[in-house]
């Protein structure tokens, strides 16, 4: 769900900040990690990592950081 959230927030960011400098690069910096996270759920080795405690913590920290980046910019 975190991957979907990052993709959605990135697309919303792209739409509402149209006309600002570097909006595409800012939005893609949110969308691409979300898409990568979503893609990792289809790889069995990555699934095991995402299910681990460190994988969950890392994913949450990176996701919250990207959401904060989206809101601040």
C-alpha atoms as a PDB file:
ATOM      1  CA  UNK A   1       0.000   0.000   0.000  1.00  0.00           C
ATOM      2  CA  UNK A   2       2.964   2.279   0.591  1.00  0.00           C
ATOM      3  CA  UNK A   3       3.992   1.996  -3.055  1.00  0.00           C
ATOM      4  CA  UNK A   4       0.517   2.971  -4.220  1.00  0.00           C
ATOM      5  CA  UNK A   5       0.516   5.867  -1.756  1.00  0.00           C
ATOM      6  CA  UNK A   6       3.808   7.250  -3.049  1.00  0.00           C
ATOM      7  CA  UNK A   7       2.689   6.956  -6.668  1.00  0.00           C
ATOM      8  CA  UNK A   8      -0.595   8.727  -5.906  1.00  0.00           C
ATOM      9  CA  UNK A   9       1.062  11.510  -3.913  1.00  0.00           C
ATOM     10  CA  UNK A  10       3.650  11.987  -6.659  1.00  0.00           C
ATOM     11  CA  UNK A  11       0.958  12.291  -9.318  1.00  0.00           C
ATOM     12  CA  UNK A  12      -1.065  14.683  -7.156  1.00  0.00           C
ATOM     13  CA  UNK A  13       2.098  16.714  -6.570  1.00  0.00           C
ATOM     14  CA  UNK A  14       2.705  16.831 -10.317  1.00  0.00           C
ATOM     15  CA  UNK A  15      -0.799  18.105 -10.999  1.00  0.00           C
ATOM     16  CA  UNK A  16      -1.073  20.728  -8.277  1.00  0.00           C
ATOM     17  CA  UNK A  17       2.383  22.211  -8.719  1.00  0.00           C
ATOM     18  CA  UNK A  18       2.170  22.625 -12.469  1.00  0.00           C
ATOM     19  CA  UNK A  19       4.133  25.687 -13.470  1.00  0.00           C
ATOM     20  CA  UNK A  20       6.705  25.515 -10.680  1.00  0.00           C
ATOM     21  CA  UNK A  21      10.360  24.995 -11.531  1.00  0.00           C
ATOM     22  CA  UNK A  22      11.530  21.375 -11.551  1.00  0.00           C
ATOM     23  CA  UNK A  23       8.083  19.992 -10.698  1.00  0.00           C
ATOM     24  CA  UNK A  24       8.667  16.955 -12.898  1.00  0.00           C
ATOM     25  CA  UNK A  25      11.900  15.981 -11.156  1.00  0.00           C
ATOM     26  CA  UNK A  26      10.331  16.487  -7.711  1.00  0.00           C
ATOM     27  CA  UNK A  27       7.307  14.383  -8.613  1.00  0.00           C
ATOM     28  CA  UNK A  28       9.402  11.653 -10.212  1.00  0.00           C
ATOM     29  CA  UNK A  29      11.569  11.502  -7.087  1.00  0.00           C
ATOM     30  CA  UNK A  30       8.390  10.432  -5.271  1.00  0.00           C
ATOM     31  CA  UNK A  31       6.809   8.289  -8.006  1.00  0.00           C
ATOM     32  CA  UNK A  32       9.886   6.207  -8.910  1.00  0.00           C
ATOM     33  CA  UNK A  33      10.565   4.890  -5.378  1.00  0.00           C
ATOM     34  CA  UNK A  34       6.858   4.077  -5.069  1.00  0.00           C
ATOM     35  CA  UNK A  35       6.950   2.138  -8.324  1.00  0.00           C
ATOM     36  CA  UNK A  36      10.136   0.344  -7.235  1.00  0.00           C
ATOM     37  CA  UNK A  37       8.549  -0.589  -3.927  1.00  0.00           C
ATOM     38  CA  UNK A  38       5.528  -1.908  -5.756  1.00  0.00           C
ATOM     39  CA  UNK A  39       7.757  -3.889  -8.123  1.00  0.00           C
ATOM     40  CA  UNK A  40       9.667  -5.396  -5.176  1.00  0.00           C
ATOM     41  CA  UNK A  41       6.483  -7.025  -3.949  1.00  0.00           C
ATOM     42  CA  UNK A  42       6.548  -9.272  -7.044  1.00  0.00           C
ATOM     43  CA  UNK A  43      10.088 -10.601  -6.400  1.00  0.00           C
ATOM     44  CA  UNK A  44      10.199 -13.484  -3.922  1.00  0.00           C
ATOM     45  CA  UNK A  45      13.587 -12.585  -2.427  1.00  0.00           C
ATOM     46  CA  UNK A  46      12.513  -8.987  -1.965  1.00  0.00           C
ATOM     47  CA  UNK A  47       9.246 -10.135  -0.405  1.00  0.00           C
ATOM     48  CA  UNK A  48      11.186 -11.895   2.320  1.00  0.00           C
ATOM     49  CA  UNK A  49      13.186  -8.732   2.979  1.00  0.00           C
ATOM     50  CA  UNK A  50      10.055  -6.571   3.070  1.00  0.00           C
ATOM     51  CA  UNK A  51       8.486  -8.962   5.590  1.00  0.00           C
ATOM     52  CA  UNK A  52      11.484  -8.722   7.918  1.00  0.00           C
ATOM     53  CA  UNK A  53      11.598  -6.218  10.772  1.00  0.00           C
ATOM     54  CA  UNK A  54      14.441  -4.201   9.233  1.00  0.00           C
ATOM     55  CA  UNK A  55      12.673  -4.185   5.855  1.00  0.00           C
ATOM     56  CA  UNK A  56       9.501  -2.828   7.405  1.00  0.00           C
ATOM     57  CA  UNK A  57      11.362  -0.139   9.342  1.00  0.00           C
ATOM     58  CA  UNK A  58      13.423   0.892   6.316  1.00  0.00           C
ATOM     59  CA  UNK A  59      10.364   1.054   4.082  1.00  0.00           C
ATOM     60  CA  UNK A  60       8.405   3.133   6.599  1.00  0.00           C
ATOM     61  CA  UNK A  61      11.275   5.576   7.191  1.00  0.00           C
ATOM     62  CA  UNK A  62      11.917   6.092   3.478  1.00  0.00           C
ATOM     63  CA  UNK A  63       8.183   6.379   2.741  1.00  0.00           C
ATOM     64  CA  UNK A  64       7.615   8.951   5.474  1.00  0.00           C
ATOM     65  CA  UNK A  65      10.645  10.886   4.300  1.00  0.00           C
ATOM     66  CA  UNK A  66       9.309  10.989   0.751  1.00  0.00           C
ATOM     67  CA  UNK A  67       5.856  12.036   1.970  1.00  0.00           C
ATOM     68  CA  UNK A  68       7.445  14.834   3.991  1.00  0.00           C
ATOM     69  CA  UNK A  69       9.411  15.878   0.914  1.00  0.00           C
ATOM     70  CA  UNK A  70       6.179  15.958  -1.108  1.00  0.00           C
ATOM     71  CA  UNK A  71       4.388  18.112   1.447  1.00  0.00           C
ATOM     72  CA  UNK A  72       7.255  20.558   2.008  1.00  0.00           C
ATOM     73  CA  UNK A  73       7.887  21.084  -1.694  1.00  0.00           C
END
